Protein backbone atom coordinates (compact mmCIF):
# COMPACT_ATOMS: atom_id res chain seq x y z
CA UNK A 1 87.79 78.30 126.11
CA UNK A 2 86.87 78.12 129.45
CA UNK A 3 84.49 74.84 130.30
CA UNK A 4 81.97 73.95 133.35
CA UNK A 5 80.93 70.29 132.32
CA UNK A 6 78.03 68.43 134.01
CA UNK A 7 75.49 71.84 132.99
CA UNK A 8 71.86 71.59 132.80
CA UNK A 9 72.07 72.63 129.60
CA UNK A 10 75.08 73.47 127.01
CA UNK A 11 75.51 77.17 126.39
CA UNK A 12 77.63 80.09 126.21
CA UNK A 13 78.90 81.64 129.61
CA UNK A 14 80.19 84.88 130.40
CA UNK A 15 83.23 86.21 129.06
CA UNK A 16 86.21 86.10 131.86
CA UNK A 17 88.21 89.09 131.07
CA UNK A 18 91.13 88.42 133.53
CA UNK A 19 91.73 85.41 131.04
CA UNK A 20 90.28 86.29 127.86
CA UNK A 21 88.76 83.33 127.96
CA UNK A 22 85.05 82.53 126.32
CA UNK A 23 83.25 80.27 129.18
CA UNK A 24 81.00 77.35 127.91
CA UNK A 25 78.35 75.54 129.88
CA UNK A 26 78.16 71.49 128.63
CA UNK A 27 75.63 69.16 129.29
CA UNK A 28 78.30 66.31 129.38
CA UNK A 29 79.76 64.56 132.40
CA UNK A 30 83.59 65.27 132.17
CA UNK A 31 84.58 61.71 131.74
CA UNK A 32 86.08 60.00 129.16
CA UNK A 33 86.24 62.83 126.89
CA UNK A 34 82.14 63.96 126.88
CA UNK A 35 82.18 67.11 127.99
CA UNK A 36 85.33 67.55 125.06
CA UNK A 37 82.98 65.90 122.71
CA UNK A 38 79.67 67.87 124.11
CA UNK A 39 81.98 70.87 123.08
CA UNK A 40 83.61 70.09 119.63
CA UNK A 41 80.19 69.92 118.40
CA UNK A 42 78.48 73.22 120.39
CA UNK A 43 81.45 74.94 118.40
CA UNK A 44 81.03 73.51 115.36
CA UNK A 45 77.46 74.46 115.67
CA UNK A 46 77.86 77.89 116.02
CA UNK A 47 80.15 78.38 114.00
CA UNK A 48 78.27 76.23 111.32
CA UNK A 49 81.63 73.72 109.93
CA UNK A 50 82.09 70.41 110.41
CA UNK A 51 82.92 69.14 114.41
CA UNK A 52 86.42 67.79 112.19
CA UNK A 53 87.25 71.22 112.17
CA UNK A 54 87.25 72.23 115.72
CA UNK A 55 90.02 70.00 117.63
CA UNK A 56 91.45 70.71 121.14
CA UNK A 57 94.97 71.50 121.17
CA UNK A 58 95.77 71.94 124.66
CA UNK A 59 94.16 70.90 127.55
CA UNK A 60 92.12 68.06 127.02
CA UNK A 61 92.05 67.29 130.69
CA UNK A 62 91.93 70.35 131.99
CA UNK A 63 88.62 73.10 132.05
CA UNK A 64 90.16 76.02 130.62
CA UNK A 65 91.51 74.71 126.54
CA UNK A 66 92.75 75.61 123.96
CA UNK A 67 90.52 75.03 120.30
CA UNK A 68 91.67 75.26 116.73
CA UNK A 69 88.97 76.29 114.40
CA UNK A 70 89.90 75.39 110.89
CA UNK A 71 87.53 77.90 109.23
CA UNK A 72 88.08 81.41 107.33
CA UNK A 73 88.57 84.52 109.18
CA UNK A 74 86.06 85.43 107.87
CA UNK A 75 83.66 82.46 108.98
CA UNK A 76 85.00 82.72 112.67
CA UNK A 77 85.01 86.62 112.93
CA UNK A 78 81.00 86.44 112.21
CA UNK A 79 80.56 83.44 114.35
CA UNK A 80 82.53 85.23 117.35
CA UNK A 81 80.25 88.26 116.49
CA UNK A 82 76.96 86.17 116.64
CA UNK A 83 78.24 85.26 120.24
CA UNK A 84 79.48 87.83 121.74
CA UNK A 85 75.72 89.60 121.02
CA UNK A 86 74.00 86.63 122.79
CA UNK A 87 76.70 86.59 125.91
CA UNK A 88 74.76 87.26 129.48
CA UNK A 89 75.44 90.65 129.86
């Protein structure tokens, strides 16, 4: 995912076609892990799983992150389909 910290509200952004990454705007500053915590909270809420099932595995201090979601393939696919339907065009 590509994270935009300090946004007015936490919400989905556009898909970066070149990077193949989903942009997520987070309403938290990029300090002391606040934006990462908000990102994990947002993803867990959208997928419908506990926060401890979402881990940032790469890019903890970068705006470009790799996130691991510990859920069934079906759960993640349903969440992604739902997210995709609500992405800005």
